[in-house]
Each structure stands twice: as structure tokens, then as C-alpha cells.
Amino acid sequence: MNSKIALPIPGPIEQLQRQLDEFRSTQPHRRKLPETLWQADVELARQYGLYSVAHPLRLDYVGLKKRLDGVPDSQKKAAKPAFVELVAAHPASMVDWVIEFESSAGSKMRIHWKNSSGPDWASLLRAWREAER
């Protein structure tokens, strides 16, 4: 047997619920909520969470989430950036590295490496020796 236990509604949400019920009882069906009520809804959602406010107040969850995120309907689609520039905190200085290997058979390899950190020359030497066999 699975039964849900209803948790008590916090006082501020209950108070706003009474205000919304009063507004809804005096207005025609589907009338938009005044901005003052929406602002109160958003403040409570910040404090208690979206679902905890939207459910007992019978509010549109997605509409409340948009207001909580601060994204007006007219700007939500235009907000996608076309370009994002990533700037390093401090530019890394580049260093030139030159590595030369020569085998006993006379073959040579020269690597010119330009980077802020040195290459793993031991691994390069090991790979070159494996290729020489």
C-alpha cells in the first residue's frame, strides 16, 4: 500500500496562496497575474524551491522557472552567443626546443618543438629506438 504524506506548506507560501486564491476568485478565468504577485512567487521560489512554490500555488512551473532565471520571453531565443572568446589569465611564453638524436649506425633525427613546456624527450628517444630495430 503506497500512500503519500502531505507535507505542511510553509507560512509565507500559504499566505501567498490565499492572495492568489482571492485574486483568482475576483478575476475572469485565465487573467494574467499581476507583476507584484509574480515577483512574490519568484522570491519564494528562490527561498523554498521551484516545485515547492509552483505546486501548491497552481502556477505554471516552466513560467516560474523562466522568471526565476531572469529570462524574459522576448530575449530567450536571442540570447545564444554566436562567438565566445576564451582569454587566458596570463599568456604562456613559448620556448623553442631542439632535440637531436643520432644512432650508432649513423641515422639522425631532429625535432624542433615550440611550446610552453618541454617535450618528453625520453619517450621520443625510446620510440625512435623501437622504430630503428
C-alpha atoms as a PDB file:
ATOM      1  CA  MET A   1       0.000   0.000   0.000  1.00  0.00           C
ATOM      2  CA  ASN A   2       1.568   3.259  -1.132  1.00  0.00           C
ATOM      3  CA  SER A   3       0.207   6.449   0.379  1.00  0.00           C
ATOM      4  CA  LYS A   4       1.638   9.936   0.053  1.00  0.00           C
ATOM      5  CA  ILE A   5       2.073  12.048   3.126  1.00  0.00           C
ATOM      6  CA  ALA A   6       1.280  15.713   2.534  1.00  0.00           C
ATOM      7  CA  LEU A   7       3.967  17.931   3.964  1.00  0.00           C
ATOM      8  CA  PRO A   8       2.856  21.156   5.625  1.00  0.00           C
ATOM      9  CA  ILE A   9       3.065  24.235   3.412  1.00  0.00           C
ATOM     10  CA  PRO A  10       5.407  26.905   4.821  1.00  0.00           C
ATOM     11  CA  GLY A  11       3.664  30.006   6.171  1.00  0.00           C
ATOM     12  CA  PRO A  12       4.831  32.502   3.529  1.00  0.00           C
ATOM     13  CA  ILE A  13       3.686  30.174   0.706  1.00  0.00           C
ATOM     14  CA  GLU A  14       0.358  29.642   2.457  1.00  0.00           C
ATOM     15  CA  GLN A  15      -0.112  33.419   2.781  1.00  0.00           C
ATOM     16  CA  LEU A  16       0.620  33.947  -0.912  1.00  0.00           C
ATOM     17  CA  GLN A  17      -1.730  31.063  -1.722  1.00  0.00           C
ATOM     18  CA  ARG A  18      -4.564  32.988  -0.019  1.00  0.00           C
ATOM     19  CA  GLN A  19      -3.690  36.137  -2.021  1.00  0.00           C
ATOM     20  CA  LEU A  20      -3.686  34.176  -5.280  1.00  0.00           C
ATOM     21  CA  ASP A  21      -6.990  32.468  -4.425  1.00  0.00           C
ATOM     22  CA  GLU A  22      -8.525  35.876  -3.719  1.00  0.00           C
ATOM     23  CA  PHE A  23      -7.193  37.299  -6.990  1.00  0.00           C
ATOM     24  CA  ARG A  24      -8.416  34.310  -8.978  1.00  0.00           C
ATOM     25  CA  SER A  25     -11.883  34.433  -7.413  1.00  0.00           C
ATOM     26  CA  THR A  26     -12.371  38.090  -8.390  1.00  0.00           C
ATOM     27  CA  GLN A  27     -10.922  37.953 -11.910  1.00  0.00           C
ATOM     28  CA  PRO A  28     -12.109  36.349 -15.129  1.00  0.00           C
ATOM     29  CA  HIS A  29     -10.679  32.919 -15.904  1.00  0.00           C
ATOM     30  CA  ARG A  30      -7.168  32.937 -17.484  1.00  0.00           C
ATOM     31  CA  ARG A  31      -6.424  36.527 -16.493  1.00  0.00           C
ATOM     32  CA  LYS A  32      -2.680  37.185 -16.200  1.00  0.00           C
ATOM     33  CA  LEU A  33      -1.281  37.513 -12.709  1.00  0.00           C
ATOM     34  CA  PRO A  34      -0.132  40.990 -11.710  1.00  0.00           C
ATOM     35  CA  GLU A  35       3.611  41.535 -11.728  1.00  0.00           C
ATOM     36  CA  THR A  36       3.630  42.051  -7.937  1.00  0.00           C
ATOM     37  CA  LEU A  37       2.290  38.518  -7.415  1.00  0.00           C
ATOM     38  CA  TRP A  38       4.832  37.081  -9.864  1.00  0.00           C
ATOM     39  CA  GLN A  39       7.644  38.869  -8.009  1.00  0.00           C
ATOM     40  CA  ALA A  40       6.428  37.372  -4.726  1.00  0.00           C
ATOM     41  CA  ASP A  41       6.293  33.919  -6.388  1.00  0.00           C
ATOM     42  CA  VAL A  42       9.862  34.293  -7.627  1.00  0.00           C
ATOM     43  CA  GLU A  43      11.151  35.370  -4.206  1.00  0.00           C
ATOM     44  CA  LEU A  44       9.522  32.368  -2.548  1.00  0.00           C
ATOM     45  CA  ALA A  45      10.878  30.043  -5.269  1.00  0.00           C
ATOM     46  CA  ARG A  46      14.390  31.326  -4.534  1.00  0.00           C
ATOM     47  CA  GLN A  47      13.851  30.546  -0.873  1.00  0.00           C
ATOM     48  CA  TYR A  48      11.883  27.256  -0.982  1.00  0.00           C
ATOM     49  CA  GLY A  49      12.493  25.864  -4.479  1.00  0.00           C
ATOM     50  CA  LEU A  50      10.505  25.885  -7.713  1.00  0.00           C
ATOM     51  CA  TYR A  51       8.274  22.856  -7.175  1.00  0.00           C
ATOM     52  CA  SER A  52       7.571  23.728  -3.529  1.00  0.00           C
ATOM     53  CA  VAL A  53       6.091  27.036  -4.695  1.00  0.00           C
ATOM     54  CA  ALA A  54       4.614  26.203  -8.111  1.00  0.00           C
ATOM     55  CA  HIS A  55       2.643  23.131  -6.973  1.00  0.00           C
ATOM     56  CA  PRO A  56       0.609  24.495  -4.031  1.00  0.00           C
ATOM     57  CA  LEU A  57       0.076  27.845  -5.761  1.00  0.00           C
ATOM     58  CA  ARG A  58      -1.061  26.127  -9.003  1.00  0.00           C
ATOM     59  CA  LEU A  59       1.450  28.102 -11.071  1.00  0.00           C
ATOM     60  CA  ASP A  60       2.989  27.201 -14.409  1.00  0.00           C
ATOM     61  CA  TYR A  61       6.290  25.558 -13.372  1.00  0.00           C
ATOM     62  CA  VAL A  62       8.107  26.491 -16.605  1.00  0.00           C
ATOM     63  CA  GLY A  63       6.821  30.068 -16.491  1.00  0.00           C
ATOM     64  CA  LEU A  64       8.010  30.450 -12.901  1.00  0.00           C
ATOM     65  CA  LYS A  65      11.382  28.905 -13.791  1.00  0.00           C
ATOM     66  CA  LYS A  66      11.860  31.414 -16.630  1.00  0.00           C
ATOM     67  CA  ARG A  67      11.120  34.283 -14.290  1.00  0.00           C
ATOM     68  CA  LEU A  68      13.419  32.826 -11.648  1.00  0.00           C
ATOM     69  CA  ASP A  69      16.224  32.531 -14.207  1.00  0.00           C
ATOM     70  CA  GLY A  70      15.546  36.133 -15.260  1.00  0.00           C
ATOM     71  CA  VAL A  71      14.965  35.290 -18.930  1.00  0.00           C
ATOM     72  CA  PRO A  72      12.095  37.298 -20.404  1.00  0.00           C
ATOM     73  CA  ASP A  73      10.204  35.519 -23.204  1.00  0.00           C
ATOM     74  CA  SER A  74      11.270  38.107 -25.794  1.00  0.00           C
ATOM     75  CA  GLN A  75      15.007  37.601 -25.100  1.00  0.00           C
ATOM     76  CA  LYS A  76      15.304  33.852 -24.526  1.00  0.00           C
ATOM     77  CA  LYS A  77      15.872  32.975 -28.217  1.00  0.00           C
ATOM     78  CA  ALA A  78      18.134  35.942 -28.991  1.00  0.00           C
ATOM     79  CA  ALA A  79      20.494  35.171 -26.106  1.00  0.00           C
ATOM     80  CA  LYS A  80      22.542  32.477 -27.917  1.00  0.00           C
ATOM     81  CA  PRO A  81      26.064  33.780 -28.493  1.00  0.00           C
ATOM     82  CA  ALA A  82      27.496  33.450 -31.972  1.00  0.00           C
ATOM     83  CA  PHE A  83      31.089  33.648 -30.746  1.00  0.00           C
ATOM     84  CA  VAL A  84      32.740  33.120 -27.373  1.00  0.00           C
ATOM     85  CA  GLU A  85      36.290  34.297 -26.830  1.00  0.00           C
ATOM     86  CA  LEU A  86      38.383  32.466 -24.267  1.00  0.00           C
ATOM     87  CA  VAL A  87      41.153  34.579 -22.821  1.00  0.00           C
ATOM     88  CA  ALA A  88      43.926  33.062 -20.722  1.00  0.00           C
ATOM     89  CA  ALA A  89      44.597  34.640 -17.340  1.00  0.00           C
ATOM     90  CA  HIS A  90      48.243  35.216 -18.339  1.00  0.00           C
ATOM     91  CA  PRO A  91      49.697  34.403 -21.711  1.00  0.00           C
ATOM     92  CA  ALA A  92      52.096  31.486 -21.623  1.00  0.00           C
ATOM     93  CA  SER A  93      55.517  32.232 -23.029  1.00  0.00           C
ATOM     94  CA  MET A  94      56.603  29.949 -25.834  1.00  0.00           C
ATOM     95  CA  VAL A  95      60.020  28.319 -25.745  1.00  0.00           C
ATOM     96  CA  ASP A  96      61.923  26.796 -28.655  1.00  0.00           C
ATOM     97  CA  TRP A  97      63.245  23.308 -28.014  1.00  0.00           C
ATOM     98  CA  VAL A  98      65.554  21.475 -30.387  1.00  0.00           C
ATOM     99  CA  ILE A  99      66.173  17.774 -29.805  1.00  0.00           C
ATOM    100  CA  GLU A 100      68.651  15.813 -31.913  1.00  0.00           C
ATOM    101  CA  PHE A 101      69.205  12.059 -31.796  1.00  0.00           C
ATOM    102  CA  GLU A 102      71.928  10.122 -33.589  1.00  0.00           C
ATOM    103  CA  SER A 103      72.209   6.356 -33.574  1.00  0.00           C
ATOM    104  CA  SER A 104      75.449   4.360 -33.612  1.00  0.00           C
ATOM    105  CA  ALA A 105      74.511   3.326 -37.186  1.00  0.00           C
ATOM    106  CA  GLY A 106      74.571   6.994 -38.226  1.00  0.00           C
ATOM    107  CA  SER A 107      70.872   7.736 -38.640  1.00  0.00           C
ATOM    108  CA  LYS A 108      69.747  11.084 -37.238  1.00  0.00           C
ATOM    109  CA  MET A 109      66.547  12.689 -36.118  1.00  0.00           C
ATOM    110  CA  ARG A 110      65.987  16.350 -35.299  1.00  0.00           C
ATOM    111  CA  ILE A 111      62.853  17.691 -33.585  1.00  0.00           C
ATOM    112  CA  HIS A 112      62.044  21.386 -33.365  1.00  0.00           C
ATOM    113  CA  TRP A 113      59.474  21.872 -30.572  1.00  0.00           C
ATOM    114  CA  LYS A 114      57.853  25.219 -29.818  1.00  0.00           C
ATOM    115  CA  ASN A 115      55.694  25.091 -26.704  1.00  0.00           C
ATOM    116  CA  SER A 116      55.437  26.470 -23.186  1.00  0.00           C
ATOM    117  CA  SER A 117      56.570  23.125 -21.741  1.00  0.00           C
ATOM    118  CA  GLY A 118      59.326  20.830 -22.856  1.00  0.00           C
ATOM    119  CA  PRO A 119      58.655  17.556 -24.666  1.00  0.00           C
ATOM    120  CA  ASP A 120      59.037  14.151 -23.063  1.00  0.00           C
ATOM    121  CA  TRP A 121      62.365  13.518 -24.768  1.00  0.00           C
ATOM    122  CA  ALA A 122      62.904  10.129 -23.076  1.00  0.00           C
ATOM    123  CA  SER A 123      59.690   8.774 -24.637  1.00  0.00           C
ATOM    124  CA  LEU A 124      60.661  10.241 -28.008  1.00  0.00           C
ATOM    125  CA  LEU A 125      64.080   8.551 -27.826  1.00  0.00           C
ATOM    126  CA  ARG A 126      62.511   5.219 -26.813  1.00  0.00           C
ATOM    127  CA  ALA A 127      60.019   5.401 -29.731  1.00  0.00           C
ATOM    128  CA  TRP A 128      62.793   6.284 -32.172  1.00  0.00           C
ATOM    129  CA  ARG A 129      64.944   3.366 -30.981  1.00  0.00           C
ATOM    130  CA  GLU A 130      61.959   0.987 -31.367  1.00  0.00           C
ATOM    131  CA  ALA A 131      61.467   2.216 -34.925  1.00  0.00           C
ATOM    132  CA  GLU A 132      65.172   1.729 -35.696  1.00  0.00           C
ATOM    133  CA  ARG A 133      65.057  -2.023 -34.874  1.00  0.00           C
END
